[in-house]
Structure formats: structure tokens, C-alpha cells
């Protein structure tokens, strides 16, 4: 396959493959938007939980809860899951 026949947007060498790739990328973009929306909703909820807890005289955060979340993500996604969980937690509570 020569470079001049390759679809420049998908990298595919055949039109049918390029169409399949475009369709899958469209679904990926939809999933990405869902992840973004859920991430933002979770962060808002987490911030509200923290404010409510502190307003009631509680602590800024509950480390046992954070460990539980990190472990859940690690079990579901492996080592990278722990990193994802830490980023999600930070989005909701801010840096430690």
C-alpha cells in the first residue's frame, strides 16, 4: 500500500476500513463526552459532600473512603486504575 492511497484522517489503506474507523471513532467521541460529563458530575457531588461534612464539624476528607475508591479502581483496571482513581479524587477534593 502506498502512502498516496492511504486515508489521511484514519491511516487506513482501504475505503471500507476507513469507514469502519470513522464509525468507531464517532462512538469513541461519544464515550469520551460521557466520561467528561460523569467526571464533572462526580467532582461536583464530591465537593458538596466535603462541604457538608466540614459544615457539620467533620473532617475535610475521609482517608478510609479514599482508599476504598482507589482499591475498587485498582481491582477493576489494574495498576493504572489506581492512578485514575487518584485523579478523580483530586478533581473532587482538590490537592492534599
PDB file of N, CA and C in Angstrom:
ATOM      1  N   UNK A   1       0.860  -1.183   0.000  1.00  0.00           N
ATOM      2  CA  UNK A   1       0.000   0.000   0.000  1.00  0.00           C
ATOM      3  C   UNK A   1       0.893   1.229   0.000  1.00  0.00           C
ATOM      4  N   UNK A   2       0.654   2.113  -0.898  1.00  0.00           N
ATOM      5  CA  UNK A   2       1.444   3.332  -0.969  1.00  0.00           C
ATOM      6  C   UNK A   2       0.796   4.425  -0.139  1.00  0.00           C
ATOM      7  N   UNK A   3       1.606   5.374   0.282  1.00  0.00           N
ATOM      8  CA  UNK A   3       1.127   6.451   1.142  1.00  0.00           C
ATOM      9  C   UNK A   3       0.076   7.299   0.446  1.00  0.00           C
ATOM     10  N   UNK A   4       0.142   7.418  -0.891  1.00  0.00           N
ATOM     11  CA  UNK A   4      -0.820   8.267  -1.588  1.00  0.00           C
ATOM     12  C   UNK A   4      -2.225   7.659  -1.632  1.00  0.00           C
ATOM     13  N   UNK A   5      -2.363   6.344  -1.369  1.00  0.00           N
ATOM     14  CA  UNK A   5      -3.671   5.705  -1.334  1.00  0.00           C
ATOM     15  C   UNK A   5      -4.236   5.638   0.085  1.00  0.00           C
ATOM     16  N   UNK A   6      -3.431   5.974   1.054  1.00  0.00           N
ATOM     17  CA  UNK A   6      -3.851   5.868   2.437  1.00  0.00           C
ATOM     18  C   UNK A   6      -4.755   7.046   2.816  1.00  0.00           C
ATOM     19  N   UNK A   7      -5.824   6.745   3.535  1.00  0.00           N
ATOM     20  CA  UNK A   7      -6.716   7.792   4.036  1.00  0.00           C
ATOM     21  C   UNK A   7      -5.951   8.595   5.076  1.00  0.00           C
ATOM     22  N   UNK A   8      -5.834   9.884   4.861  1.00  0.00           N
ATOM     23  CA  UNK A   8      -5.012  10.746   5.721  1.00  0.00           C
ATOM     24  C   UNK A   8      -5.611  10.930   7.117  1.00  0.00           C
ATOM     25  N   UNK A   9      -6.918  10.814   7.248  1.00  0.00           N
ATOM     26  CA  UNK A   9      -7.557  11.010   8.551  1.00  0.00           C
ATOM     27  C   UNK A   9      -7.562   9.760   9.414  1.00  0.00           C
ATOM     28  N   UNK A  10      -7.622   8.594   8.779  1.00  0.00           N
ATOM     29  CA  UNK A  10      -7.733   7.358   9.553  1.00  0.00           C
ATOM     30  C   UNK A  10      -6.469   6.512   9.507  1.00  0.00           C
ATOM     31  N   UNK A  11      -5.638   6.721   8.511  1.00  0.00           N
ATOM     32  CA  UNK A  11      -4.455   5.891   8.331  1.00  0.00           C
ATOM     33  C   UNK A  11      -4.761   4.561   7.663  1.00  0.00           C
ATOM     34  N   UNK A  12      -6.017   4.352   7.269  1.00  0.00           N
ATOM     35  CA  UNK A  12      -6.420   3.091   6.652  1.00  0.00           C
ATOM     36  C   UNK A  12      -6.025   3.061   5.183  1.00  0.00           C
ATOM     37  N   UNK A  13      -5.765   1.852   4.686  1.00  0.00           N
ATOM     38  CA  UNK A  13      -5.382   1.683   3.292  1.00  0.00           C
ATOM     39  C   UNK A  13      -6.535   1.355   2.375  1.00  0.00           C
ATOM     40  N   UNK A  14      -7.717   1.101   2.938  1.00  0.00           N
ATOM     41  CA  UNK A  14      -8.877   0.755   2.119  1.00  0.00           C
ATOM     42  C   UNK A  14     -10.074   1.601   2.550  1.00  0.00           C
ATOM     43  N   UNK A  15     -10.919   1.996   1.603  1.00  0.00           N
ATOM     44  CA  UNK A  15     -12.080   2.831   1.935  1.00  0.00           C
ATOM     45  C   UNK A  15     -13.014   2.208   2.977  1.00  0.00           C
ATOM     46  N   UNK A  16     -13.270   0.892   2.878  1.00  0.00           N
ATOM     47  CA  UNK A  16     -14.157   0.259   3.852  1.00  0.00           C
ATOM     48  C   UNK A  16     -13.560   0.305   5.252  1.00  0.00           C
ATOM     49  N   UNK A  17     -12.266   0.091   5.352  1.00  0.00           N
ATOM     50  CA  UNK A  17     -11.608   0.163   6.655  1.00  0.00           C
ATOM     51  C   UNK A  17     -11.674   1.591   7.191  1.00  0.00           C
ATOM     52  N   UNK A  18     -11.495   2.567   6.318  1.00  0.00           N
ATOM     53  CA  UNK A  18     -11.569   3.970   6.733  1.00  0.00           C
ATOM     54  C   UNK A  18     -12.962   4.290   7.261  1.00  0.00           C
ATOM     55  N   UNK A  19     -14.001   3.767   6.606  1.00  0.00           N
ATOM     56  CA  UNK A  19     -15.376   3.979   7.066  1.00  0.00           C
ATOM     57  C   UNK A  19     -15.597   3.351   8.442  1.00  0.00           C
ATOM     58  N   UNK A  20     -15.086   2.136   8.624  1.00  0.00           N
ATOM     59  CA  UNK A  20     -15.219   1.466   9.918  1.00  0.00           C
ATOM     60  C   UNK A  20     -14.509   2.256  11.011  1.00  0.00           C
ATOM     61  N   UNK A  21     -13.323   2.732  10.702  1.00  0.00           N
ATOM     62  CA  UNK A  21     -12.550   3.502  11.681  1.00  0.00           C
ATOM     63  C   UNK A  21     -13.288   4.789  12.036  1.00  0.00           C
ATOM     64  N   UNK A  22     -13.830   5.463  11.035  1.00  0.00           N
ATOM     65  CA  UNK A  22     -14.586   6.705  11.312  1.00  0.00           C
ATOM     66  C   UNK A  22     -15.775   6.420  12.219  1.00  0.00           C
ATOM     67  N   UNK A  23     -16.500   5.330  11.964  1.00  0.00           N
ATOM     68  CA  UNK A  23     -17.659   4.976  12.793  1.00  0.00           C
ATOM     69  C   UNK A  23     -17.229   4.668  14.228  1.00  0.00           C
ATOM     70  N   UNK A  24     -16.148   3.922  14.380  1.00  0.00           N
ATOM     71  CA  UNK A  24     -15.670   3.601  15.733  1.00  0.00           C
ATOM     72  C   UNK A  24     -15.186   4.854  16.451  1.00  0.00           C
ATOM     73  N   UNK A  25     -14.527   5.744  15.735  1.00  0.00           N
ATOM     74  CA  UNK A  25     -14.067   6.987  16.343  1.00  0.00           C
ATOM     75  C   UNK A  25     -15.239   7.863  16.789  1.00  0.00           C
ATOM     76  N   UNK A  26     -16.313   7.834  16.004  1.00  0.00           N
ATOM     77  CA  UNK A  26     -17.506   8.592  16.392  1.00  0.00           C
ATOM     78  C   UNK A  26     -18.035   8.074  17.727  1.00  0.00           C
ATOM     79  N   UNK A  27     -18.086   6.748  17.869  1.00  0.00           N
ATOM     80  CA  UNK A  27     -18.542   6.154  19.142  1.00  0.00           C
ATOM     81  C   UNK A  27     -17.572   6.488  20.265  1.00  0.00           C
ATOM     82  N   UNK A  28     -16.278   6.449  19.984  1.00  0.00           N
ATOM     83  CA  UNK A  28     -15.281   6.818  20.987  1.00  0.00           C
ATOM     84  C   UNK A  28     -15.504   8.248  21.454  1.00  0.00           C
ATOM     85  N   UNK A  29     -15.774   9.142  20.521  1.00  0.00           N
ATOM     86  CA  UNK A  29     -16.035  10.545  20.885  1.00  0.00           C
ATOM     87  C   UNK A  29     -17.267  10.664  21.777  1.00  0.00           C
ATOM     88  N   UNK A  30     -18.299   9.867  21.487  1.00  0.00           N
ATOM     89  CA  UNK A  30     -19.499   9.869  22.334  1.00  0.00           C
ATOM     90  C   UNK A  30     -19.168   9.379  23.743  1.00  0.00           C
ATOM     91  N   UNK A  31     -18.393   8.312  23.830  1.00  0.00           N
ATOM     92  CA  UNK A  31     -17.993   7.767  25.122  1.00  0.00           C
ATOM     93  C   UNK A  31     -17.151   8.784  25.877  1.00  0.00           C
ATOM     94  N   UNK A  32     -16.219   9.423  25.184  1.00  0.00           N
ATOM     95  CA  UNK A  32     -15.390  10.454  25.821  1.00  0.00           C
ATOM     96  C   UNK A  32     -16.249  11.546  26.435  1.00  0.00           C
ATOM     97  N   UNK A  33     -17.290  11.974  25.719  1.00  0.00           N
ATOM     98  CA  UNK A  33     -18.157  13.027  26.249  1.00  0.00           C
ATOM     99  C   UNK A  33     -18.902  12.547  27.490  1.00  0.00           C
ATOM    100  N   UNK A  34     -19.331  11.291  27.476  1.00  0.00           N
ATOM    101  CA  UNK A  34     -19.993  10.732  28.656  1.00  0.00           C
ATOM    102  C   UNK A  34     -19.036  10.708  29.846  1.00  0.00           C
ATOM    103  N   UNK A  35     -17.792  10.322  29.597  1.00  0.00           N
ATOM    104  CA  UNK A  35     -16.789  10.292  30.669  1.00  0.00           C
ATOM    105  C   UNK A  35     -16.590  11.695  31.227  1.00  0.00           C
ATOM    106  N   UNK A  36     -16.472  12.679  30.355  1.00  0.00           N
ATOM    107  CA  UNK A  36     -16.286  14.069  30.791  1.00  0.00           C
ATOM    108  C   UNK A  36     -17.479  14.520  31.627  1.00  0.00           C
ATOM    109  N   UNK A  37     -18.680  14.257  31.138  1.00  0.00           N
ATOM    110  CA  UNK A  37     -19.888  14.664  31.858  1.00  0.00           C
ATOM    111  C   UNK A  37     -19.958  13.997  33.233  1.00  0.00           C
ATOM    112  N   UNK A  38     -19.688  12.701  33.278  1.00  0.00           N
ATOM    113  CA  UNK A  38     -19.731  11.976  34.550  1.00  0.00           C
ATOM    114  C   UNK A  38     -18.630  12.456  35.501  1.00  0.00           C
ATOM    115  N   UNK A  39     -17.444  12.708  34.956  1.00  0.00           N
ATOM    116  CA  UNK A  39     -16.327  13.219  35.760  1.00  0.00           C
ATOM    117  C   UNK A  39     -16.728  14.533  36.441  1.00  0.00           C
ATOM    118  N   UNK A  40     -17.324  15.435  35.664  1.00  0.00           N
ATOM    119  CA  UNK A  40     -17.725  16.735  36.204  1.00  0.00           C
ATOM    120  C   UNK A  40     -18.837  16.596  37.232  1.00  0.00           C
ATOM    121  N   UNK A  41     -19.791  15.722  36.971  1.00  0.00           N
ATOM    122  CA  UNK A  41     -20.865  15.496  37.944  1.00  0.00           C
ATOM    123  C   UNK A  41     -20.313  14.916  39.236  1.00  0.00           C
ATOM    124  N   UNK A  42     -19.403  13.954  39.113  1.00  0.00           N
ATOM    125  CA  UNK A  42     -18.814  13.335  40.295  1.00  0.00           C
ATOM    126  C   UNK A  42     -18.035  14.358  41.112  1.00  0.00           C
ATOM    127  N   UNK A  43     -17.274  15.205  40.440  1.00  0.00           N
ATOM    128  CA  UNK A  43     -16.498  16.227  41.140  1.00  0.00           C
ATOM    129  C   UNK A  43     -17.417  17.166  41.916  1.00  0.00           C
ATOM    130  N   UNK A  44     -18.510  17.583  41.293  1.00  0.00           N
ATOM    131  CA  UNK A  44     -19.471  18.468  41.979  1.00  0.00           C
ATOM    132  C   UNK A  44     -20.059  17.788  43.211  1.00  0.00           C
ATOM    133  N   UNK A  45     -20.464  16.529  43.058  1.00  0.00           N
ATOM    134  CA  UNK A  45     -21.029  15.795  44.188  1.00  0.00           C
ATOM    135  C   UNK A  45     -20.005  15.630  45.306  1.00  0.00           C
ATOM    136  N   UNK A  46     -18.789  15.292  44.940  1.00  0.00           N
ATOM    137  CA  UNK A  46     -17.741  15.112  45.935  1.00  0.00           C
ATOM    138  C   UNK A  46     -17.462  16.411  46.687  1.00  0.00           C
ATOM    139  N   UNK A  47     -17.439  17.515  45.967  1.00  0.00           N
ATOM    140  CA  UNK A  47     -17.221  18.813  46.614  1.00  0.00           C
ATOM    141  C   UNK A  47     -18.356  19.130  47.582  1.00  0.00           C
ATOM    142  N   UNK A  48     -19.570  18.805  47.196  1.00  0.00           N
ATOM    143  CA  UNK A  48     -20.725  19.044  48.069  1.00  0.00           C
ATOM    144  C   UNK A  48     -20.655  18.159  49.312  1.00  0.00           C
ATOM    145  N   UNK A  49     -20.256  16.905  49.142  1.00  0.00           N
ATOM    146  CA  UNK A  49     -20.084  16.012  50.288  1.00  0.00           C
ATOM    147  C   UNK A  49     -19.069  16.609  51.258  1.00  0.00           C
ATOM    148  N   UNK A  50     -17.926  17.052  50.730  1.00  0.00           N
ATOM    149  CA  UNK A  50     -16.885  17.621  51.585  1.00  0.00           C
ATOM    150  C   UNK A  50     -17.367  18.862  52.322  1.00  0.00           C
ATOM    151  N   UNK A  51     -18.064  19.743  51.632  1.00  0.00           N
ATOM    152  CA  UNK A  51     -18.584  20.961  52.267  1.00  0.00           C
ATOM    153  C   UNK A  51     -19.596  20.618  53.352  1.00  0.00           C
ATOM    154  N   UNK A  52     -20.459  19.664  53.060  1.00  0.00           N
ATOM    155  CA  UNK A  52     -21.479  19.250  54.032  1.00  0.00           C
ATOM    156  C   UNK A  52     -20.820  18.626  55.258  1.00  0.00           C
ATOM    157  N   UNK A  53     -19.831  17.772  55.024  1.00  0.00           N
ATOM    158  CA  UNK A  53     -19.131  17.119  56.133  1.00  0.00           C
ATOM    159  C   UNK A  53     -18.440  18.152  57.012  1.00  0.00           C
ATOM    160  N   UNK A  54     -17.723  19.102  56.399  1.00  0.00           N
ATOM    161  CA  UNK A  54     -16.997  20.119  57.180  1.00  0.00           C
ATOM    162  C   UNK A  54     -17.970  21.057  57.890  1.00  0.00           C
ATOM    163  N   UNK A  55     -19.087  21.391  57.249  1.00  0.00           N
ATOM    164  CA  UNK A  55     -20.080  22.272  57.881  1.00  0.00           C
ATOM    165  C   UNK A  55     -20.698  21.617  59.108  1.00  0.00           C
ATOM    166  N   UNK A  56     -20.692  20.298  59.148  1.00  0.00           N
ATOM    167  CA  UNK A  56     -21.259  19.588  60.294  1.00  0.00           C
ATOM    168  C   UNK A  56     -20.208  19.321  61.369  1.00  0.00           C
ATOM    169  N   UNK A  57     -19.020  19.877  61.167  1.00  0.00           N
ATOM    170  CA  UNK A  57     -17.949  19.682  62.151  1.00  0.00           C
ATOM    171  C   UNK A  57     -17.063  18.490  61.866  1.00  0.00           C
ATOM    172  N   UNK A  58     -17.241  17.886  60.711  1.00  0.00           N
ATOM    173  CA  UNK A  58     -16.444  16.716  60.344  1.00  0.00           C
ATOM    174  C   UNK A  58     -15.118  17.096  59.708  1.00  0.00           C
ATOM    175  N   UNK A  59     -14.420  16.090  59.266  1.00  0.00           N
ATOM    176  CA  UNK A  59     -13.098  16.270  58.669  1.00  0.00           C
ATOM    177  C   UNK A  59     -13.203  16.683  57.201  1.00  0.00           C
ATOM    178  N   UNK A  60     -12.102  17.207  56.680  1.00  0.00           N
ATOM    179  CA  UNK A  60     -12.062  17.618  55.276  1.00  0.00           C
ATOM    180  C   UNK A  60     -12.208  16.427  54.346  1.00  0.00           C
ATOM    181  N   UNK A  61     -11.588  15.319  54.702  1.00  0.00           N
ATOM    182  CA  UNK A  61     -11.713  14.111  53.906  1.00  0.00           C
ATOM    183  C   UNK A  61     -11.647  12.890  54.796  1.00  0.00           C
ATOM    184  N   UNK A  62     -12.064  11.773  54.244  1.00  0.00           N
ATOM    185  CA  UNK A  62     -12.083  10.503  54.960  1.00  0.00           C
ATOM    186  C   UNK A  62     -11.151   9.554  54.211  1.00  0.00           C
ATOM    187  N   UNK A  63      -9.970   9.342  54.774  1.00  0.00           N
ATOM    188  CA  UNK A  63      -8.955   8.546  54.075  1.00  0.00           C
ATOM    189  C   UNK A  63      -9.399   7.117  53.813  1.00  0.00           C
ATOM    190  N   UNK A  64     -10.166   6.520  54.727  1.00  0.00           N
ATOM    191  CA  UNK A  64     -10.630   5.144  54.503  1.00  0.00           C
ATOM    192  C   UNK A  64     -11.521   5.074  53.262  1.00  0.00           C
ATOM    193  N   UNK A  65     -12.323   6.094  53.054  1.00  0.00           N
ATOM    194  CA  UNK A  65     -13.178   6.147  51.858  1.00  0.00           C
ATOM    195  C   UNK A  65     -12.323   6.279  50.600  1.00  0.00           C
ATOM    196  N   UNK A  66     -11.296   7.125  50.667  1.00  0.00           N
ATOM    197  CA  UNK A  66     -10.422   7.287  49.501  1.00  0.00           C
ATOM    198  C   UNK A  66      -9.696   5.982  49.179  1.00  0.00           C
ATOM    199  N   UNK A  67      -9.216   5.288  50.213  1.00  0.00           N
ATOM    200  CA  UNK A  67      -8.537   4.005  49.979  1.00  0.00           C
ATOM    201  C   UNK A  67      -9.482   2.994  49.336  1.00  0.00           C
ATOM    202  N   UNK A  68     -10.743   2.993  49.778  1.00  0.00           N
ATOM    203  CA  UNK A  68     -11.753   2.091  49.218  1.00  0.00           C
ATOM    204  C   UNK A  68     -11.950   2.369  47.722  1.00  0.00           C
ATOM    205  N   UNK A  69     -12.022   3.625  47.362  1.00  0.00           N
ATOM    206  CA  UNK A  69     -12.217   4.011  45.957  1.00  0.00           C
ATOM    207  C   UNK A  69     -10.998   3.619  45.123  1.00  0.00           C
ATOM    208  N   UNK A  70      -9.806   3.917  45.622  1.00  0.00           N
ATOM    209  CA  UNK A  70      -8.581   3.553  44.898  1.00  0.00           C
ATOM    210  C   UNK A  70      -8.520   2.050  44.683  1.00  0.00           C
ATOM    211  N   UNK A  71      -8.850   1.279  45.717  1.00  0.00           N
ATOM    212  CA  UNK A  71      -8.800  -0.177  45.599  1.00  0.00           C
ATOM    213  C   UNK A  71      -9.836  -0.697  44.603  1.00  0.00           C
ATOM    214  N   UNK A  72     -11.015  -0.099  44.594  1.00  0.00           N
ATOM    215  CA  UNK A  72     -12.056  -0.512  43.636  1.00  0.00           C
ATOM    216  C   UNK A  72     -11.560  -0.324  42.207  1.00  0.00           C
ATOM    217  N   UNK A  73     -10.953   0.821  41.933  1.00  0.00           N
ATOM    218  CA  UNK A  73     -10.437   1.099  40.592  1.00  0.00           C
ATOM    219  C   UNK A  73      -9.257   0.189  40.257  1.00  0.00           C
ATOM    220  N   UNK A  74      -8.389  -0.075  41.241  1.00  0.00           N
ATOM    221  CA  UNK A  74      -7.242  -0.957  41.008  1.00  0.00           C
ATOM    222  C   UNK A  74      -7.722  -2.365  40.654  1.00  0.00           C
ATOM    223  N   UNK A  75      -8.730  -2.849  41.366  1.00  0.00           N
ATOM    224  CA  UNK A  75      -9.249  -4.197  41.086  1.00  0.00           C
ATOM    225  C   UNK A  75      -9.885  -4.274  39.705  1.00  0.00           C
ATOM    226  N   UNK A  76     -10.570  -3.215  39.312  1.00  0.00           N
ATOM    227  CA  UNK A  76     -11.265  -3.231  38.025  1.00  0.00           C
ATOM    228  C   UNK A  76     -10.336  -2.987  36.844  1.00  0.00           C
ATOM    229  N   UNK A  77      -9.282  -2.177  37.063  1.00  0.00           N
ATOM    230  CA  UNK A  77      -8.477  -1.716  35.930  1.00  0.00           C
ATOM    231  C   UNK A  77      -6.984  -1.999  36.058  1.00  0.00           C
ATOM    232  N   UNK A  78      -6.580  -2.629  37.131  1.00  0.00           N
ATOM    233  CA  UNK A  78      -5.161  -2.880  37.325  1.00  0.00           C
ATOM    234  C   UNK A  78      -4.453  -1.650  37.867  1.00  0.00           C
ATOM    235  N   UNK A  79      -3.113  -1.639  37.782  1.00  0.00           N
ATOM    236  CA  UNK A  79      -2.334  -0.542  38.355  1.00  0.00           C
ATOM    237  C   UNK A  79      -2.733   0.839  37.832  1.00  0.00           C
ATOM    238  N   UNK A  80      -3.077   0.932  36.562  1.00  0.00           N
ATOM    239  CA  UNK A  80      -3.495   2.231  36.018  1.00  0.00           C
ATOM    240  C   UNK A  80      -4.791   2.709  36.665  1.00  0.00           C
ATOM    241  N   UNK A  81      -5.617   1.776  37.114  1.00  0.00           N
ATOM    242  CA  UNK A  81      -6.859   2.141  37.770  1.00  0.00           C
ATOM    243  C   UNK A  81      -6.631   2.964  39.020  1.00  0.00           C
ATOM    244  N   UNK A  82      -5.570   2.638  39.753  1.00  0.00           N
ATOM    245  CA  UNK A  82      -5.252   3.409  40.960  1.00  0.00           C
ATOM    246  C   UNK A  82      -4.928   4.850  40.588  1.00  0.00           C
ATOM    247  N   UNK A  83      -4.212   5.044  39.506  1.00  0.00           N
ATOM    248  CA  UNK A  83      -3.877   6.399  39.066  1.00  0.00           C
ATOM    249  C   UNK A  83      -5.116   7.159  38.615  1.00  0.00           C
ATOM    250  N   UNK A  84      -6.015   6.469  37.923  1.00  0.00           N
ATOM    251  CA  UNK A  84      -7.270   7.094  37.509  1.00  0.00           C
ATOM    252  C   UNK A  84      -8.052   7.525  38.747  1.00  0.00           C
ATOM    253  N   UNK A  85      -8.140   6.642  39.731  1.00  0.00           N
ATOM    254  CA  UNK A  85      -8.878   6.959  40.962  1.00  0.00           C
ATOM    255  C   UNK A  85      -8.281   8.175  41.659  1.00  0.00           C
ATOM    256  N   UNK A  86      -6.966   8.250  41.730  1.00  0.00           N
ATOM    257  CA  UNK A  86      -6.333   9.396  42.384  1.00  0.00           C
ATOM    258  C   UNK A  86      -6.646  10.698  41.662  1.00  0.00           C
ATOM    259  N   UNK A  87      -6.687  10.662  40.338  1.00  0.00           N
ATOM    260  CA  UNK A  87      -7.040  11.864  39.575  1.00  0.00           C
ATOM    261  C   UNK A  87      -8.496  12.248  39.820  1.00  0.00           C
ATOM    262  N   UNK A  88      -9.371  11.254  39.850  1.00  0.00           N
ATOM    263  CA  UNK A  88     -10.783  11.525  40.104  1.00  0.00           C
ATOM    264  C   UNK A  88     -10.972  12.114  41.498  1.00  0.00           C
ATOM    265  N   UNK A  89     -10.302  11.525  42.475  1.00  0.00           N
ATOM    266  CA  UNK A  89     -10.409  12.037  43.843  1.00  0.00           C
ATOM    267  C   UNK A  89      -9.919  13.471  43.931  1.00  0.00           C
ATOM    268  N   UNK A  90      -8.816  13.759  43.279  1.00  0.00           N
ATOM    269  CA  UNK A  90      -8.277  15.121  43.313  1.00  0.00           C
ATOM    270  C   UNK A  90      -9.249  16.112  42.676  1.00  0.00           C
ATOM    271  N   UNK A  91      -9.932  15.695  41.609  1.00  0.00           N
ATOM    272  CA  UNK A  91     -10.884  16.583  40.953  1.00  0.00           C
ATOM    273  C   UNK A  91     -12.022  16.957  41.907  1.00  0.00           C
ATOM    274  N   UNK A  92     -12.363  16.070  42.808  1.00  0.00           N
ATOM    275  CA  UNK A  92     -13.458  16.328  43.729  1.00  0.00           C
ATOM    276  C   UNK A  92     -13.066  17.054  44.995  1.00  0.00           C
ATOM    277  N   UNK A  93     -11.851  16.848  45.460  1.00  0.00           N
ATOM    278  CA  UNK A  93     -11.457  17.436  46.738  1.00  0.00           C
ATOM    279  C   UNK A  93     -10.335  18.442  46.629  1.00  0.00           C
ATOM    280  N   UNK A  94      -9.675  18.508  45.474  1.00  0.00           N
ATOM    281  CA  UNK A  94      -8.514  19.362  45.332  1.00  0.00           C
ATOM    282  C   UNK A  94      -7.260  18.648  45.809  1.00  0.00           C
ATOM    283  N   UNK A  95      -6.115  19.297  45.671  1.00  0.00           N
ATOM    284  CA  UNK A  95      -4.867  18.663  46.101  1.00  0.00           C
ATOM    285  C   UNK A  95      -4.806  18.543  47.627  1.00  0.00           C
ATOM    286  N   UNK A  96      -4.084  17.555  48.087  1.00  0.00           N
ATOM    287  CA  UNK A  96      -3.920  17.373  49.540  1.00  0.00           C
ATOM    288  C   UNK A  96      -2.984  18.417  50.114  1.00  0.00           C
TER     289      UNK A  96
END
